[in-house]
Amino acid sequence: MRSARLTLALETGAVVLPDAGSIAVYRARAGDDLSALPKDRLLIVQGFRPEHDAFAAQGYRVAVEGGQGHAAAIVCLPRSRDEARALLAEAAAAVEPGGPIVVDGQKTDGIEAIYRDLGERLAVSATLSKAHGKLFTFAAGPGLEDWAARLTAVEGGFRTLPGVFSADAPDRGSALLLAALPAELSGRVVDLGAGWGYLSRAVLERPHVKRLDLVEAEHAALACARLNVTDPRAFFHWADATRFRLSKAADVVVCNPPFHTTREADPALGLGFLQAAARLLQPQGVLWLVANRHLPYDRGLRALFREVEEIGGDAAFRIVRASRPEKVGVSRA
């Protein structure tokens, strides 16, 4: 979809890129076809580790931050309005004044609202519509400084950034899991998909926890976790949780796994987290899990763990204690 709009825009002259200089591409997804763009001039700006690694494997230059001095930028609109605004502000500051910034997004991701909001501040081009989305351009320069990403304080003294999961407050599922965690939690613990550190801080309130590994794929969320969790027993890993490895098996995994990276639910993603948890645990290890009730995890849990017990939850979420993983093998880092 994105490639169709970009190709059409370049072919029709709706978008004219400079003949020289780097082009920063913000938040492209691994499935996006960028072949219409000059690969040797692209910098893919992507903080989500699986997408970051996918572009790097294809030979693209990839970075978490865009830096400065680019000739042009392309912003692939994310679903979060605040994150979209922050990316646009970042691109406007990263591109040389007057350089083109291309904004591309699906209607379901709010491209029309962003177009309207930008048009109230800056001169924007007409939109090009195709494949249920739109594309337009504006010139880099001042005017979006108040859209820049800023840390926000939320309940409990935590700090978050735009676009991270549950940026406005702890999500209900995590709160339910926190309430279910036993006071005697001990040993080596992994928070798989740690987000901005809500569960991790609670885990470290248990005095018998020796070590906590926070594993998070979203770089911005992990940056928040570093601010929110300052206990020396905490270790931070920017990593794809489904591929994460430990040098020594864990005693406990706590997990509130995601089940989509787009608007469509993908239970296989959550199942990947459960498989990772079983792999990371020692033979008597325990997984503490919160999951939406509608997700079909039962068969996977019972294939991965010898003991599976639902211990709480509410109408929307269930809390599961799963122990004694079936397939244990410490994967060396």
Protein backbone atom coordinates (compact mmCIF):
# COMPACT_ATOMS: atom_id res chain seq x y z
CA MET A 1 0.00 0.00 0.00
CA ARG A 2 2.72 2.46 0.98
CA SER A 3 4.87 1.49 -2.00
CA ALA A 4 1.98 2.09 -4.38
CA ARG A 5 1.49 5.65 -3.13
CA LEU A 6 5.21 6.44 -3.07
CA THR A 7 5.76 5.06 -6.55
CA LEU A 8 2.79 6.96 -7.95
CA ALA A 9 3.88 10.18 -6.22
CA LEU A 10 7.40 9.93 -7.62
CA GLU A 11 6.22 8.99 -11.11
CA THR A 12 3.68 11.82 -11.34
CA GLY A 13 5.92 14.46 -9.78
CA ALA A 14 3.69 14.88 -6.74
CA VAL A 15 6.88 14.22 -4.78
CA VAL A 16 10.24 15.47 -6.01
CA LEU A 17 13.20 14.39 -3.91
CA PRO A 18 16.54 16.24 -3.94
CA ASP A 19 19.18 14.79 -6.26
CA ALA A 20 21.72 14.49 -3.44
CA GLY A 21 21.81 14.09 0.30
CA SER A 22 20.45 11.56 2.76
CA ILE A 23 16.76 10.73 3.13
CA ALA A 24 15.50 9.75 6.57
CA VAL A 25 12.59 7.30 6.55
CA TYR A 26 10.75 7.25 9.84
CA ARG A 27 8.86 4.18 11.06
CA ALA A 28 8.80 2.16 7.87
CA ARG A 29 7.64 -1.40 8.47
CA ALA A 30 9.51 -4.50 7.41
CA GLY A 31 6.94 -5.33 4.72
CA ASP A 32 7.17 -1.92 3.07
CA ASP A 33 8.63 -1.90 -0.43
CA LEU A 34 11.05 1.04 -0.61
CA SER A 35 12.58 0.04 -3.93
CA ALA A 36 11.37 3.25 -5.61
CA LEU A 37 13.78 5.18 -3.36
CA PRO A 38 17.59 5.40 -3.70
CA LYS A 39 18.70 2.77 -1.19
CA ASP A 40 22.24 4.13 -0.83
CA ARG A 41 20.86 7.45 0.42
CA LEU A 42 18.29 6.10 2.88
CA LEU A 43 18.50 6.05 6.66
CA ILE A 44 15.72 3.94 8.16
CA VAL A 45 14.78 5.39 11.55
CA GLN A 46 13.15 2.57 13.49
CA GLY A 47 13.17 1.86 17.22
CA PHE A 48 11.11 -1.35 17.16
CA ARG A 49 13.74 -4.08 17.27
CA PRO A 50 12.19 -6.69 14.94
CA GLU A 51 11.59 -4.06 12.24
CA HIS A 52 15.01 -2.49 12.87
CA ASP A 53 16.73 -5.86 12.42
CA ALA A 54 14.68 -6.73 9.33
CA PHE A 55 15.83 -3.60 7.49
CA ALA A 56 19.41 -4.07 8.63
CA ALA A 57 19.32 -7.63 7.22
CA GLN A 58 18.27 -6.18 3.86
CA GLY A 59 21.37 -3.97 3.82
CA TYR A 60 19.77 -0.66 4.77
CA ARG A 61 21.39 1.84 7.10
CA VAL A 62 19.24 1.77 10.23
CA ALA A 63 19.23 3.92 13.36
CA VAL A 64 17.05 4.58 16.38
CA GLU A 65 17.29 8.36 15.95
CA GLY A 66 17.35 10.36 12.75
CA GLY A 67 20.05 12.86 13.56
CA GLN A 68 20.38 16.11 11.59
CA GLY A 69 21.21 17.49 8.17
CA HIS A 70 19.06 15.31 5.90
CA ALA A 71 18.00 16.49 2.45
CA ALA A 72 14.52 15.02 2.84
CA ALA A 73 12.42 12.77 5.06
CA ILE A 74 9.54 10.35 4.73
CA VAL A 75 7.31 9.83 7.76
CA CYS A 76 5.30 6.60 7.76
CA LEU A 77 2.44 7.49 10.04
CA PRO A 78 1.99 5.34 13.16
CA ARG A 79 -1.39 4.76 14.81
CA SER A 80 -0.71 6.94 17.86
CA ARG A 81 -1.55 10.60 17.19
CA ASP A 82 0.96 11.84 19.76
CA GLU A 83 3.71 9.67 18.30
CA ALA A 84 2.83 10.84 14.80
CA ARG A 85 3.11 14.46 15.86
CA ALA A 86 6.41 13.78 17.60
CA LEU A 87 7.82 12.11 14.47
CA LEU A 88 6.75 15.04 12.31
CA ALA A 89 8.41 17.48 14.70
CA GLU A 90 11.57 15.35 14.68
CA ALA A 91 11.61 15.19 10.89
CA ALA A 92 11.04 18.95 10.59
CA ALA A 93 14.12 19.53 12.75
CA ALA A 94 16.23 16.81 11.09
CA VAL A 95 15.83 18.00 7.49
CA GLU A 96 17.61 21.06 6.15
CA PRO A 97 15.23 24.06 6.10
CA GLY A 98 13.01 23.97 3.05
CA GLY A 99 13.69 20.31 2.33
CA PRO A 100 10.67 18.13 1.56
CA ILE A 101 9.01 15.99 4.19
CA VAL A 102 6.70 13.32 2.81
CA VAL A 103 3.89 12.13 5.08
CA ASP A 104 2.28 8.79 4.23
CA GLY A 105 -0.41 6.87 6.08
CA GLN A 106 -3.59 4.86 6.04
CA LYS A 107 -6.94 6.48 6.70
CA THR A 108 -7.37 4.14 9.66
CA ASP A 109 -4.16 5.51 11.16
CA GLY A 110 -5.38 9.10 11.20
CA ILE A 111 -3.73 10.54 8.09
CA GLU A 112 -6.68 12.87 7.44
CA ALA A 113 -6.59 14.35 10.96
CA ILE A 114 -2.82 14.88 10.72
CA TYR A 115 -3.25 16.58 7.34
CA ARG A 116 -5.85 18.89 8.82
CA ASP A 117 -3.79 19.68 11.91
CA LEU A 118 -0.64 20.39 9.88
CA GLY A 119 -2.56 22.55 7.46
CA GLU A 120 -3.61 24.82 10.30
CA ARG A 121 0.07 25.53 11.03
CA LEU A 122 2.06 25.14 7.82
CA ALA A 123 1.70 25.11 4.05
CA VAL A 124 0.96 21.57 2.92
CA SER A 125 0.58 20.09 -0.54
CA ALA A 126 -2.54 18.55 -1.96
CA THR A 127 -3.02 14.92 -0.97
CA LEU A 128 -2.46 11.92 -3.21
CA SER A 129 -4.97 9.19 -2.41
CA LYS A 130 -4.47 5.51 -3.19
CA ALA A 131 -4.89 2.12 -1.50
CA HIS A 132 -6.99 3.39 1.41
CA GLY A 133 -4.41 5.97 2.37
CA LYS A 134 -3.02 9.38 1.57
CA LEU A 135 0.33 11.03 0.98
CA PHE A 136 1.29 14.70 1.07
CA THR A 137 4.33 16.91 1.63
CA PHE A 138 5.42 19.99 3.53
CA ALA A 139 8.70 21.87 3.85
CA ALA A 140 11.04 21.42 6.83
CA GLY A 141 11.32 24.37 9.16
CA PRO A 142 9.99 25.79 12.42
CA GLY A 143 6.42 25.56 13.65
CA LEU A 144 6.12 22.07 15.16
CA GLU A 145 8.34 22.46 18.23
CA ASP A 146 5.42 21.94 20.62
CA TRP A 147 4.73 18.56 18.99
CA ALA A 148 8.14 17.19 19.95
CA ALA A 149 8.26 14.11 22.18
CA ARG A 150 8.37 14.95 25.86
CA LEU A 151 8.35 12.79 28.95
CA THR A 152 4.96 12.65 30.64
CA ALA A 153 4.39 11.79 34.30
CA VAL A 154 1.70 9.16 34.92
CA GLU A 155 0.18 7.49 37.96
CA GLY A 156 2.73 6.08 40.39
CA GLY A 157 5.52 8.49 39.51
CA PHE A 158 6.35 6.77 36.22
CA ARG A 159 7.43 8.62 33.09
CA THR A 160 6.43 7.70 29.55
CA LEU A 161 6.88 8.91 25.98
CA PRO A 162 4.37 9.27 23.10
CA GLY A 163 3.62 6.07 21.25
CA VAL A 164 4.69 3.56 23.89
CA PHE A 165 2.07 1.04 24.96
CA SER A 166 -0.33 2.42 27.58
CA ALA A 167 1.47 5.76 27.69
CA ASP A 168 -1.26 7.51 29.69
CA ALA A 169 -1.53 5.09 32.63
CA PRO A 170 -0.80 1.48 33.65
CA ASP A 171 -2.99 -0.84 31.61
CA ARG A 172 -5.63 -2.88 33.41
CA GLY A 173 -4.14 -6.24 32.54
CA SER A 174 -0.77 -5.35 34.04
CA ALA A 175 -2.46 -3.99 37.16
CA LEU A 176 -4.31 -7.28 37.59
CA LEU A 177 -1.10 -9.27 37.16
CA LEU A 178 0.73 -7.08 39.64
CA ALA A 179 -1.97 -7.72 42.25
CA ALA A 180 -1.62 -11.47 41.71
CA LEU A 181 2.17 -11.68 42.04
CA PRO A 182 3.19 -13.36 45.29
CA ALA A 183 5.12 -11.44 47.92
CA GLU A 184 7.66 -14.29 48.14
CA LEU A 185 8.74 -13.98 44.51
CA SER A 186 12.45 -14.78 44.39
CA GLY A 187 15.48 -15.69 42.33
CA ARG A 188 16.19 -14.59 38.77
CA VAL A 189 13.19 -12.95 37.08
CA VAL A 190 12.53 -11.89 33.48
CA ASP A 191 9.94 -9.27 32.56
CA LEU A 192 9.25 -10.30 28.97
CA GLY A 193 7.89 -7.29 27.10
CA ALA A 194 8.65 -4.96 29.99
CA GLY A 195 7.29 -1.77 28.42
CA TRP A 196 8.08 1.29 30.51
CA GLY A 197 8.69 -0.72 33.66
CA TYR A 198 5.41 -0.85 35.55
CA LEU A 199 5.60 -4.55 36.47
CA SER A 200 9.37 -4.48 36.83
CA ARG A 201 9.34 -1.93 39.62
CA ALA A 202 6.81 -4.04 41.52
CA VAL A 203 8.89 -7.19 41.04
CA LEU A 204 11.92 -5.44 42.51
CA GLU A 205 9.95 -4.57 45.63
CA ARG A 206 10.30 -8.28 46.49
CA PRO A 207 13.50 -8.48 48.56
CA HIS A 208 14.38 -12.04 47.52
CA VAL A 209 14.58 -11.23 43.80
CA LYS A 210 18.26 -11.52 42.90
CA ARG A 211 18.14 -10.18 39.37
CA LEU A 212 15.56 -8.81 36.96
CA ASP A 213 16.06 -8.77 33.19
CA LEU A 214 13.77 -6.30 31.41
CA VAL A 215 13.28 -7.33 27.78
CA GLU A 216 11.58 -4.80 25.51
CA ALA A 217 11.54 -4.41 21.72
CA GLU A 218 10.45 -0.76 21.61
CA HIS A 219 13.48 1.44 22.19
CA ALA A 220 11.47 4.41 23.49
CA ALA A 221 9.67 2.23 26.04
CA LEU A 222 12.95 0.78 27.27
CA ALA A 223 14.37 4.29 27.62
CA CYS A 224 11.43 5.10 29.89
CA ALA A 225 12.00 1.89 31.85
CA ARG A 226 15.60 2.95 32.51
CA LEU A 227 14.24 6.12 34.11
CA ASN A 228 11.47 4.36 36.02
CA VAL A 229 13.47 1.39 37.33
CA THR A 230 16.71 2.38 39.03
CA ASP A 231 17.34 -0.69 41.20
CA PRO A 232 20.86 -2.10 40.62
CA ARG A 233 19.38 -5.60 40.27
CA ALA A 234 17.74 -4.51 36.99
CA PHE A 235 19.33 -5.22 33.60
CA PHE A 236 17.90 -3.80 30.39
CA HIS A 237 17.75 -5.49 26.99
CA TRP A 238 16.56 -3.88 23.75
CA ALA A 239 15.55 -7.11 22.08
CA ASP A 240 12.86 -9.07 20.29
CA ALA A 241 11.38 -11.02 23.19
CA THR A 242 10.62 -14.03 21.00
CA ARG A 243 14.34 -14.39 20.19
CA PHE A 244 15.88 -13.31 23.49
CA ARG A 245 18.48 -15.56 25.08
CA LEU A 246 19.86 -15.83 28.62
CA SER A 247 23.22 -17.18 29.76
CA LYS A 248 21.52 -18.69 32.83
CA ALA A 249 17.93 -19.93 33.13
CA ALA A 250 15.37 -17.83 34.98
CA ASP A 251 13.28 -18.85 37.96
CA VAL A 252 10.32 -16.66 37.05
CA VAL A 253 8.96 -14.93 33.96
CA VAL A 254 6.28 -12.25 34.20
CA CYS A 255 4.54 -11.37 30.99
CA ASN A 256 1.76 -9.23 29.54
CA PRO A 257 2.37 -10.15 25.90
CA PRO A 258 1.22 -8.06 22.93
CA PHE A 259 -1.13 -9.68 20.47
CA HIS A 260 -0.94 -7.23 17.58
CA THR A 261 1.53 -4.90 15.86
CA THR A 262 -1.15 -3.56 13.50
CA ARG A 263 -4.88 -3.13 14.05
CA GLU A 264 -5.44 -6.82 13.36
CA ALA A 265 -5.08 -9.27 16.24
CA ASP A 266 -2.27 -11.81 15.82
CA PRO A 267 -2.45 -14.49 18.55
CA ALA A 268 0.71 -16.07 17.11
CA LEU A 269 2.65 -13.09 18.44
CA GLY A 270 1.54 -13.77 22.00
CA LEU A 271 2.22 -17.48 21.53
CA GLY A 272 5.78 -16.56 20.56
CA PHE A 273 6.16 -14.88 23.95
CA LEU A 274 4.86 -18.00 25.72
CA GLN A 275 7.35 -20.16 23.82
CA ALA A 276 10.14 -17.77 24.76
CA ALA A 277 9.09 -17.89 28.41
CA ALA A 278 9.20 -21.70 28.43
CA ARG A 279 12.63 -21.64 26.80
CA LEU A 280 14.05 -19.13 29.28
CA LEU A 281 12.85 -20.88 32.45
CA GLN A 282 14.65 -23.50 34.49
CA PRO A 283 12.92 -26.91 34.92
CA GLN A 284 10.90 -25.83 37.97
CA GLY A 285 10.38 -22.28 36.71
CA VAL A 286 7.10 -20.38 36.78
CA LEU A 287 5.40 -18.10 34.27
CA TRP A 288 2.98 -15.46 35.57
CA LEU A 289 0.85 -14.35 32.64
CA VAL A 290 -1.98 -11.92 31.98
CA ALA A 291 -3.88 -12.25 28.71
CA ASN A 292 -7.15 -11.19 27.15
CA ARG A 293 -9.75 -13.89 27.64
CA HIS A 294 -10.59 -14.14 23.96
CA LEU A 295 -7.06 -15.14 22.95
CA PRO A 296 -6.62 -18.87 22.15
CA TYR A 297 -3.60 -19.61 24.34
CA ASP A 298 -4.88 -22.68 26.20
CA ARG A 299 -3.52 -25.30 23.82
CA GLY A 300 -0.16 -23.55 23.56
CA LEU A 301 0.18 -23.18 27.32
CA ARG A 302 -0.61 -26.84 27.95
CA ALA A 303 1.86 -27.91 25.27
CA LEU A 304 4.59 -25.78 26.81
CA PHE A 305 4.01 -26.30 30.57
CA ARG A 306 3.17 -29.33 32.68
CA GLU A 307 1.08 -27.30 35.13
CA VAL A 308 -1.30 -24.55 34.02
CA GLU A 309 -3.74 -22.85 36.36
CA GLU A 310 -5.99 -19.83 35.96
CA ILE A 311 -5.77 -17.98 39.26
CA GLY A 312 -7.72 -14.78 38.70
CA GLY A 313 -8.64 -11.92 36.42
CA ASP A 314 -11.86 -10.21 35.44
CA ALA A 315 -14.35 -10.26 32.58
CA ALA A 316 -11.73 -9.15 30.04
CA PHE A 317 -8.46 -10.61 31.36
CA ARG A 318 -7.28 -13.79 32.97
CA ILE A 319 -4.25 -14.40 35.16
CA VAL A 320 -2.43 -17.68 34.56
CA ARG A 321 0.26 -19.41 36.57
CA ALA A 322 2.13 -21.92 34.40
CA SER A 323 5.05 -23.95 35.72
CA ARG A 324 7.50 -26.73 34.86
CA PRO A 325 8.14 -26.05 31.18
CA GLU A 326 8.02 -29.11 28.97
CA LYS A 327 11.00 -28.23 26.81
CA VAL A 328 13.84 -26.78 28.79
CA GLY A 329 17.23 -25.86 27.41
CA VAL A 330 19.20 -22.87 28.48
CA SER A 331 19.97 -20.91 25.32
CA ARG A 332 23.39 -19.39 25.68
CA ALA A 333 23.71 -15.73 24.80
